[in-house]
Amino acid sequence: MPSIATRAVKNSDLKIQHRCPQCGAPASLLESDRLFSCAYCRVKSYLLARGYFQYRLPHKAPTGRELIYFPYWRFKGMLFSCLPGSTHDQFIDTSHQACFSPRFPVSLGLRSQALALSFVTADTPGHFIAPQTSLQDVMAVFNRRFNRELSRPLLHQAHIGETVSMIYAPYYLDRGLVDAVLNQPLREQDTAAFNLEDFPGGVPTTHFHFLPTLCPHCGWDLDGTRDAQVLHCHHCHSVWQPGPKGFSSVPCAHCPTAIHRPTYLPFWRITADVRGVDLDSYADLVRLANMPKAVQKAWETTPFRFWVPAFKVRPRVFLRIMQVLSMALPPERLERNVPEHPCLTANLPVTEAMETLRVSLAGFIKPLERIAEILPQAEINPRKALLVYLPFEDRTHELVHTPLNLAVNKNQLSLSWNL
């Protein structure tokens, strides 16, 4: 099954300099890259981190200077906010101190996008100041910043497709703190002497490793694009998801089609227990969403399932696709294997897809005045997920699913890897 590469270079994605774990050849990665293929030894590996990736900015410090690395949390992703009458969506790309100090800049600004970063490893020289502010606390700061103009009450928020990392900025001492990126003193210097003992830290700890991309079932090479969250084996036609303990099998299906040379897009079909509102069957959905349809008897026994794109796209488009698919009648027939036609890369993991369910539920409720009544009391517990590939007709500028009257712009897909 061939995959569709949807990649175009864009300056806002972090650029990472590294070396091949197999032969040591230099390599240039983007932040969204997970599947790494060495141009020299041709070995493919999958990049994994325990928790989050750690990077450092380059420096121009004079030889012999001991570097001091100050930590910043960096967050990039989609933010959905459920309000009484609507769902607000936005894309966030921001950074903030991971250790409060008025001596250092509050954020990295545009440096992380403008400069080529490196991975922090256990043998990276310098004093790495330990993070003191948790990610949860920093996310609260981000939420307050982006929620100022939203109406109240705020019923629910979800961060989807997020990329969280720790970025260290280099400094050194020379009659005060010197910014080692520009090799210039900080503009605002505290009159008190800088004491490194006030900032616990020391030698960094490594948080990432490379996983060999061999099929656990047959030993064949697994395949995918650079930002893939699931990999395919073309030998035994299986699908695999990387994790801390290696690769685990992913249940997969596709909808057969009569379209000549279709393009398949991936979606997570999620079965969940919903409490606080009737949503067991498609008939329940028709009533909840107040659809202009007469409820058919067969719909009472048709199970309701959430449908979430397994690919990243701009927040508003993501929300629209999720609503259209979840509110449509499910496909009549699925084949439990991967299609042989071209497929878009699945670059949104199922764990992120499950975070969208309450947002999706808010979009079903009609009239809108009922959202504030129903959403807070609803409980959604995902039980299982199936990766489903649906066929789209490939047109000049769009991929079109005619039965659903759903079109996805190709240009939006070409930039989705950077979200």
Protein backbone atom coordinates (compact mmCIF):
# COMPACT_ATOMS: atom_id res chain seq x y z
CA MET A 1 0.00 0.00 0.00
CA PRO A 2 1.72 3.21 -1.12
CA SER A 3 1.62 6.24 1.14
CA ILE A 4 1.07 9.85 0.17
CA ALA A 5 3.84 12.21 1.22
CA THR A 6 2.40 15.58 2.21
CA ARG A 7 5.49 17.57 3.09
CA ALA A 8 6.61 21.07 2.20
CA VAL A 9 9.37 22.92 4.00
CA LYS A 10 8.05 25.60 6.32
CA ASN A 11 10.20 27.76 8.57
CA SER A 12 7.96 27.55 11.64
CA ASP A 13 8.83 23.87 12.22
CA LEU A 14 11.86 23.26 14.41
CA LYS A 15 15.01 22.10 12.62
CA ILE A 16 17.11 19.54 14.50
CA GLN A 17 20.74 18.62 13.75
CA HIS A 18 21.69 15.07 14.71
CA ARG A 19 23.73 12.01 13.68
CA CYS A 20 22.57 8.63 12.45
CA PRO A 21 22.47 6.16 15.39
CA GLN A 22 23.80 3.41 13.11
CA CYS A 23 26.71 4.98 11.14
CA GLY A 24 27.15 8.41 12.74
CA ALA A 25 26.50 10.36 9.54
CA PRO A 26 25.13 13.91 9.99
CA ALA A 27 21.39 14.26 9.63
CA SER A 28 18.90 17.09 9.57
CA LEU A 29 15.47 16.44 11.04
CA LEU A 30 12.30 18.43 11.46
CA GLU A 31 10.38 18.51 14.71
CA SER A 32 7.54 16.47 13.24
CA ASP A 33 9.89 13.72 11.97
CA ARG A 34 9.54 10.33 13.66
CA LEU A 35 10.64 7.85 11.00
CA PHE A 36 14.32 8.50 10.26
CA SER A 37 16.02 7.05 7.17
CA CYS A 38 19.77 7.61 6.90
CA ALA A 39 20.87 8.84 3.48
CA TYR A 40 24.23 7.05 3.90
CA CYS A 41 23.63 3.61 5.44
CA ARG A 42 19.92 3.44 4.47
CA VAL A 43 18.95 2.12 7.92
CA LYS A 44 15.50 3.22 9.11
CA SER A 45 14.71 3.91 12.76
CA TYR A 46 11.76 5.32 14.66
CA LEU A 47 12.43 8.17 17.06
CA LEU A 48 10.83 7.91 20.51
CA ALA A 49 11.02 10.02 23.67
CA ARG A 50 10.21 9.24 27.28
CA GLY A 51 7.74 12.00 28.04
CA TYR A 52 9.02 14.82 25.83
CA PHE A 53 11.95 15.71 23.58
CA GLN A 54 14.73 17.98 24.84
CA TYR A 55 16.60 20.34 22.52
CA ARG A 56 19.20 23.08 22.89
CA LEU A 57 19.84 26.23 20.91
CA PRO A 58 23.24 26.70 19.21
CA HIS A 59 25.77 29.08 20.79
CA LYS A 60 28.72 31.35 19.86
CA ALA A 61 30.39 31.33 23.26
CA PRO A 62 34.20 31.77 23.36
CA THR A 63 36.22 28.60 23.83
CA GLY A 64 36.56 27.58 27.44
CA ARG A 65 33.41 29.24 28.72
CA GLU A 66 31.16 27.06 30.86
CA LEU A 67 27.67 27.20 29.43
CA ILE A 68 24.55 27.61 31.51
CA TYR A 69 21.39 26.24 29.89
CA PHE A 70 18.06 27.76 30.94
CA PRO A 71 14.90 25.63 30.29
CA TYR A 72 11.73 26.61 28.42
CA TRP A 73 8.55 24.63 27.86
CA ARG A 74 7.48 24.78 24.25
CA PHE A 75 3.92 23.86 23.15
CA LYS A 76 2.45 23.57 19.66
CA GLY A 77 -1.01 22.26 18.83
CA MET A 78 -4.71 22.87 18.35
CA LEU A 79 -6.87 24.28 21.15
CA PHE A 80 -10.62 23.71 21.12
CA SER A 81 -12.83 25.60 23.59
CA CYS A 82 -16.46 24.59 24.09
CA LEU A 83 -18.69 27.57 24.86
CA PRO A 84 -22.46 27.67 25.55
CA GLY A 85 -23.30 28.46 21.92
CA SER A 86 -20.27 27.41 19.87
CA THR A 87 -16.83 25.77 19.76
CA HIS A 88 -13.87 28.12 19.41
CA ASP A 89 -10.74 26.79 17.67
CA GLN A 90 -7.22 28.13 17.35
CA PHE A 91 -3.65 27.02 16.66
CA ILE A 92 -1.02 27.68 19.33
CA ASP A 93 2.78 27.82 19.03
CA THR A 94 4.36 29.32 22.13
CA SER A 95 7.06 28.92 24.80
CA HIS A 96 7.46 29.88 28.46
CA GLN A 97 10.05 29.64 31.23
CA ALA A 98 10.25 26.21 32.89
CA CYS A 99 11.96 27.79 35.89
CA PHE A 100 10.74 31.20 37.06
CA SER A 101 13.44 33.87 37.01
CA PRO A 102 13.30 37.59 36.15
CA ARG A 103 16.92 37.37 34.96
CA PHE A 104 16.03 35.41 31.84
CA PRO A 105 13.56 36.21 29.01
CA VAL A 106 10.04 34.93 29.63
CA SER A 107 9.90 33.11 26.29
CA LEU A 108 12.15 32.07 23.41
CA GLY A 109 10.39 34.30 20.90
CA LEU A 110 11.15 33.16 17.34
CA ARG A 111 14.58 31.71 18.09
CA SER A 112 13.46 28.09 18.18
CA GLN A 113 12.00 28.41 14.65
CA ALA A 114 14.86 30.46 13.22
CA LEU A 115 17.84 28.41 14.47
CA ALA A 116 18.87 24.79 14.00
CA LEU A 117 18.58 22.96 17.32
CA SER A 118 20.35 19.87 18.65
CA PHE A 119 19.17 17.04 20.88
CA VAL A 120 20.24 17.20 24.50
CA THR A 121 22.20 14.07 25.37
CA ALA A 122 23.82 12.78 28.54
CA ASP A 123 27.29 13.89 27.34
CA THR A 124 26.28 17.45 26.35
CA PRO A 125 28.67 19.74 28.30
CA GLY A 126 27.30 22.55 30.47
CA HIS A 127 25.15 23.20 33.51
CA PHE A 128 21.52 22.44 32.71
CA ILE A 129 19.18 24.27 35.08
CA ALA A 130 16.49 21.86 36.24
CA PRO A 131 12.86 22.73 35.36
CA GLN A 132 10.94 23.90 38.42
CA THR A 133 7.60 24.72 36.80
CA SER A 134 5.49 21.73 35.77
CA LEU A 135 3.96 21.42 32.33
CA GLN A 136 0.52 21.53 33.93
CA ASP A 137 1.27 24.91 35.54
CA VAL A 138 2.66 26.32 32.30
CA MET A 139 -0.37 25.08 30.36
CA ALA A 140 -2.53 26.98 32.85
CA VAL A 141 -0.53 30.12 31.96
CA PHE A 142 -1.04 29.45 28.25
CA ASN A 143 -4.77 28.88 28.74
CA ARG A 144 -5.20 32.12 30.67
CA ARG A 145 -3.37 33.97 27.91
CA PHE A 146 -5.49 32.57 25.09
CA ASN A 147 -8.80 32.55 26.98
CA ARG A 148 -8.97 36.25 27.78
CA GLU A 149 -11.30 37.11 24.92
CA LEU A 150 -13.53 34.02 25.14
CA SER A 151 -17.05 34.31 26.51
CA ARG A 152 -18.04 32.57 29.72
CA PRO A 153 -18.78 30.03 30.96
CA LEU A 154 -16.02 27.92 29.47
CA LEU A 155 -17.51 24.41 29.42
CA HIS A 156 -14.53 22.37 28.19
CA GLN A 157 -11.11 22.71 26.56
CA ALA A 158 -8.99 20.17 24.71
CA HIS A 159 -5.46 20.35 23.34
CA ILE A 160 -5.28 18.17 20.23
CA GLY A 161 -2.30 17.09 18.15
CA GLU A 162 0.02 18.72 20.62
CA THR A 163 3.81 18.72 20.48
CA VAL A 164 5.45 19.39 23.85
CA SER A 165 9.20 19.78 24.21
CA MET A 166 11.84 21.31 26.47
CA ILE A 167 14.23 23.77 24.82
CA TYR A 168 17.38 24.97 26.59
CA ALA A 169 18.81 28.41 25.83
CA PRO A 170 22.61 28.86 26.37
CA TYR A 171 24.20 31.57 28.53
CA TYR A 172 27.56 32.12 30.24
CA LEU A 173 29.00 34.45 32.88
CA ASP A 174 31.23 37.43 32.05
CA ARG A 175 30.64 40.24 34.57
CA GLY A 176 27.00 39.24 34.30
CA LEU A 177 24.91 36.93 32.18
CA VAL A 178 25.75 36.78 28.49
CA ASP A 179 23.38 35.47 25.84
CA ALA A 180 25.51 32.80 24.15
CA VAL A 181 23.32 32.71 21.03
CA LEU A 182 24.23 36.29 20.11
CA ASN A 183 27.32 36.44 22.34
CA GLN A 184 25.96 39.64 23.89
CA PRO A 185 25.12 40.62 27.50
CA LEU A 186 21.47 40.54 28.45
CA ARG A 187 19.88 43.95 28.06
CA GLU A 188 18.39 44.01 31.54
CA GLN A 189 20.82 42.94 34.23
CA ASP A 190 19.91 42.45 37.88
CA THR A 191 22.11 44.49 40.21
CA ALA A 192 22.64 41.43 42.44
CA ALA A 193 25.42 39.03 41.50
CA PHE A 194 24.30 35.92 39.62
CA ASN A 195 24.67 32.81 41.80
CA LEU A 196 24.41 29.52 39.94
CA GLU A 197 23.73 27.71 43.22
CA ASP A 198 20.31 29.38 43.23
CA PHE A 199 19.42 27.26 40.19
CA PRO A 200 19.61 23.49 40.87
CA GLY A 201 20.66 21.35 37.95
CA GLY A 202 23.77 19.80 36.48
CA VAL A 203 24.34 17.04 33.94
CA PRO A 204 21.39 16.48 31.58
CA THR A 205 19.53 13.19 31.27
CA THR A 206 18.72 11.72 27.88
CA HIS A 207 15.05 11.19 27.05
CA PHE A 208 15.02 9.74 23.53
CA HIS A 209 16.06 6.63 21.66
CA PHE A 210 15.74 5.04 18.20
CA LEU A 211 13.60 1.95 17.63
CA PRO A 212 14.48 -0.45 14.76
CA THR A 213 11.61 -0.49 12.25
CA LEU A 214 11.24 -4.23 11.74
CA CYS A 215 7.83 -5.85 11.58
CA PRO A 216 7.27 -7.84 14.82
CA HIS A 217 5.21 -10.36 12.85
CA CYS A 218 7.42 -11.22 9.86
CA GLY A 219 10.66 -9.23 10.31
CA TRP A 220 10.13 -7.16 7.14
CA ASP A 221 10.94 -3.44 7.04
CA LEU A 222 8.08 -1.24 8.21
CA ASP A 223 7.20 1.70 5.99
CA GLY A 224 5.71 5.16 6.38
CA THR A 225 6.36 8.85 5.84
CA ARG A 226 8.64 10.82 8.13
CA ASP A 227 5.83 12.06 10.41
CA ALA A 228 3.87 8.78 10.54
CA GLN A 229 2.31 7.68 13.84
CA VAL A 230 1.54 4.20 12.46
CA LEU A 231 3.73 2.12 10.15
CA HIS A 232 2.76 -0.50 7.57
CA CYS A 233 4.31 -3.82 6.66
CA HIS A 234 3.86 -4.45 2.94
CA HIS A 235 4.92 -8.08 3.34
CA CYS A 236 2.31 -9.35 5.80
CA HIS A 237 -0.06 -6.36 5.36
CA SER A 238 -0.13 -5.46 9.03
CA VAL A 239 -0.22 -2.07 10.77
CA TRP A 240 1.88 -1.15 13.81
CA GLN A 241 2.03 1.62 16.35
CA PRO A 242 5.30 2.48 18.15
CA GLY A 243 5.41 2.74 21.93
CA PRO A 244 7.77 2.52 24.94
CA LYS A 245 7.84 -1.30 24.75
CA GLY A 246 8.19 -1.52 20.96
CA PHE A 247 5.58 -1.89 18.25
CA SER A 248 2.01 -2.99 18.97
CA SER A 249 -0.54 -4.14 16.40
CA VAL A 250 -3.21 -1.66 15.23
CA PRO A 251 -6.65 -2.99 14.17
CA CYS A 252 -7.27 -1.66 10.66
CA ALA A 253 -9.98 -1.70 7.98
CA HIS A 254 -10.93 0.06 4.77
CA CYS A 255 -14.11 0.78 2.85
CA PRO A 256 -14.12 -0.75 -0.66
CA THR A 257 -15.03 1.57 -3.52
CA ALA A 258 -15.78 1.68 -7.22
CA ILE A 259 -13.79 4.92 -7.62
CA HIS A 260 -11.03 4.60 -10.20
CA ARG A 261 -7.68 5.18 -8.47
CA PRO A 262 -9.05 6.48 -5.15
CA THR A 263 -7.02 8.16 -2.44
CA TYR A 264 -7.67 6.84 1.07
CA LEU A 265 -7.72 9.08 4.13
CA PRO A 266 -7.26 7.57 7.62
CA PHE A 267 -9.76 7.98 10.47
CA TRP A 268 -10.04 6.67 14.01
CA ARG A 269 -13.41 5.03 14.64
CA ILE A 270 -13.82 5.11 18.40
CA THR A 271 -16.35 3.15 20.43
CA ALA A 272 -17.07 4.79 23.78
CA ASP A 273 -19.42 4.50 26.75
CA VAL A 274 -21.36 7.74 27.08
CA ARG A 275 -23.20 8.54 30.30
CA GLY A 276 -25.37 11.52 31.16
CA VAL A 277 -26.92 11.62 27.69
CA ASP A 278 -28.51 8.98 25.45
CA LEU A 279 -26.00 8.22 22.69
CA ASP A 280 -25.90 4.45 22.22
CA SER A 281 -27.33 4.26 18.70
CA TYR A 282 -27.48 6.30 15.52
CA ALA A 283 -31.13 6.99 16.33
CA ASP A 284 -30.02 8.59 19.61
CA LEU A 285 -27.65 10.84 17.64
CA VAL A 286 -30.42 11.92 15.25
CA ARG A 287 -32.55 12.95 18.23
CA LEU A 288 -29.68 14.64 20.11
CA ALA A 289 -28.61 16.62 17.03
CA ASN A 290 -32.21 17.41 16.09
CA MET A 291 -31.52 16.27 12.52
CA PRO A 292 -34.23 16.78 9.91
CA LYS A 293 -34.66 13.02 9.52
CA ALA A 294 -37.39 10.56 10.41
CA VAL A 295 -35.83 8.00 12.75
CA GLN A 296 -35.87 4.58 11.10
CA LYS A 297 -36.35 1.43 13.12
CA ALA A 298 -33.03 -0.05 11.98
CA TRP A 299 -31.18 2.97 13.39
CA GLU A 300 -32.23 2.02 16.94
CA THR A 301 -29.85 -0.96 16.74
CA THR A 302 -27.10 0.76 14.70
CA PRO A 303 -24.29 1.46 17.20
CA PHE A 304 -23.06 5.03 17.44
CA ARG A 305 -19.31 5.60 17.14
CA PHE A 306 -17.16 8.72 17.09
CA TRP A 307 -15.11 9.37 13.93
CA VAL A 308 -11.93 11.44 14.22
CA PRO A 309 -9.39 12.29 11.47
CA ALA A 310 -6.16 10.36 11.97
CA PHE A 311 -4.34 13.16 10.15
CA LYS A 312 -3.61 16.72 11.19
CA VAL A 313 -5.24 19.64 9.46
CA ARG A 314 -6.12 23.18 10.48
CA PRO A 315 -8.39 23.29 13.56
CA ARG A 316 -11.55 24.54 11.84
CA VAL A 317 -11.25 21.98 9.04
CA PHE A 318 -10.47 19.24 11.57
CA LEU A 319 -13.61 20.10 13.52
CA ARG A 320 -15.78 20.16 10.38
CA ILE A 321 -14.53 16.77 9.15
CA MET A 322 -15.01 15.22 12.59
CA GLN A 323 -18.62 16.49 12.79
CA VAL A 324 -19.60 15.45 9.26
CA LEU A 325 -18.29 11.89 9.64
CA SER A 326 -19.60 11.28 13.16
CA MET A 327 -23.10 12.48 12.21
CA ALA A 328 -23.28 10.42 9.02
CA LEU A 329 -24.53 6.87 8.73
CA PRO A 330 -21.55 4.51 9.13
CA PRO A 331 -20.24 2.67 6.06
CA GLU A 332 -22.24 -0.47 5.33
CA ARG A 333 -19.26 -2.71 4.71
CA LEU A 334 -15.64 -2.64 5.86
CA GLU A 335 -12.85 -5.03 4.92
CA ARG A 336 -10.44 -5.82 7.73
CA ASN A 337 -7.21 -5.04 5.91
CA VAL A 338 -5.32 -2.10 4.45
CA PRO A 339 -6.18 -0.82 0.96
CA GLU A 340 -3.81 -1.28 -1.95
CA HIS A 341 -4.39 2.25 -3.21
CA PRO A 342 -2.46 5.37 -2.07
CA CYS A 343 -3.15 6.38 1.53
CA LEU A 344 -2.56 9.60 3.42
CA THR A 345 -0.23 9.21 6.39
CA ALA A 346 -1.85 8.77 9.80
CA ASN A 347 0.06 11.38 11.83
CA LEU A 348 -2.45 11.90 14.67
CA PRO A 349 -2.14 9.15 17.34
CA VAL A 350 -5.23 7.48 18.75
CA THR A 351 -4.52 8.92 22.21
CA GLU A 352 -4.92 12.42 20.78
CA ALA A 353 -8.06 11.39 18.88
CA MET A 354 -9.67 10.26 22.13
CA GLU A 355 -9.18 13.75 23.57
CA THR A 356 -11.58 15.12 20.93
CA LEU A 357 -14.67 13.16 21.96
CA ARG A 358 -16.18 15.75 24.31
CA VAL A 359 -15.54 18.45 21.69
CA SER A 360 -17.30 16.28 19.13
CA LEU A 361 -20.24 15.75 21.50
CA ALA A 362 -20.62 19.52 21.97
CA GLY A 363 -20.99 19.86 18.20
CA PHE A 364 -23.87 17.36 18.10
CA ILE A 365 -26.15 19.08 20.59
CA LYS A 366 -29.03 21.05 19.10
CA PRO A 367 -30.48 23.48 19.88
CA LEU A 368 -27.30 25.21 21.03
CA GLU A 369 -28.92 26.39 24.27
CA ARG A 370 -28.75 22.78 25.54
CA ILE A 371 -24.94 22.57 25.36
CA ALA A 372 -24.47 24.24 28.77
CA GLU A 373 -26.99 21.81 30.26
CA ILE A 374 -25.78 18.53 28.73
CA LEU A 375 -22.01 18.83 28.23
CA PRO A 376 -20.89 19.29 31.90
CA GLN A 377 -22.78 16.20 33.07
CA ALA A 378 -21.76 13.91 30.21
CA GLU A 379 -19.08 11.25 30.83
CA ILE A 380 -17.25 9.68 27.88
CA ASN A 381 -15.04 6.61 28.35
CA PRO A 382 -13.35 5.32 25.16
CA ARG A 383 -13.31 1.51 24.93
CA LYS A 384 -11.70 0.61 21.60
CA ALA A 385 -10.53 2.14 18.35
CA LEU A 386 -10.26 0.98 14.75
CA LEU A 387 -8.12 2.69 12.10
CA VAL A 388 -10.38 3.02 9.06
CA TYR A 389 -9.32 4.19 5.60
CA LEU A 390 -12.12 5.87 3.62
CA PRO A 391 -11.92 6.42 -0.17
CA PHE A 392 -11.85 9.89 -1.69
CA GLU A 393 -11.90 10.90 -5.34
CA ASP A 394 -8.70 12.71 -6.30
CA ARG A 395 -9.58 15.94 -8.10
CA THR A 396 -7.43 18.89 -9.16
CA HIS A 397 -7.49 20.84 -5.90
CA GLU A 398 -9.49 18.63 -3.55
CA LEU A 399 -10.07 15.12 -2.32
CA VAL A 400 -13.83 14.49 -2.42
CA HIS A 401 -16.05 11.94 -0.70
CA THR A 402 -19.24 12.32 -2.76
CA PRO A 403 -21.71 10.35 -0.55
CA LEU A 404 -20.87 12.60 2.41
CA ASN A 405 -20.54 15.76 0.33
CA LEU A 406 -17.15 16.20 2.02
CA ALA A 407 -14.15 17.85 0.34
CA VAL A 408 -10.65 18.29 1.77
CA ASN A 409 -8.34 20.84 0.21
CA LYS A 410 -4.99 19.38 -0.92
CA ASN A 411 -3.04 22.50 0.07
CA GLN A 412 -4.29 22.19 3.65
CA LEU A 413 -3.18 18.57 3.75
CA SER A 414 0.26 19.48 2.36
CA LEU A 415 0.92 21.66 5.44
CA SER A 416 -0.76 19.43 8.01
CA TRP A 417 2.52 17.83 9.14
CA ASN A 418 3.56 21.15 10.69
CA LEU A 419 0.54 21.47 12.98
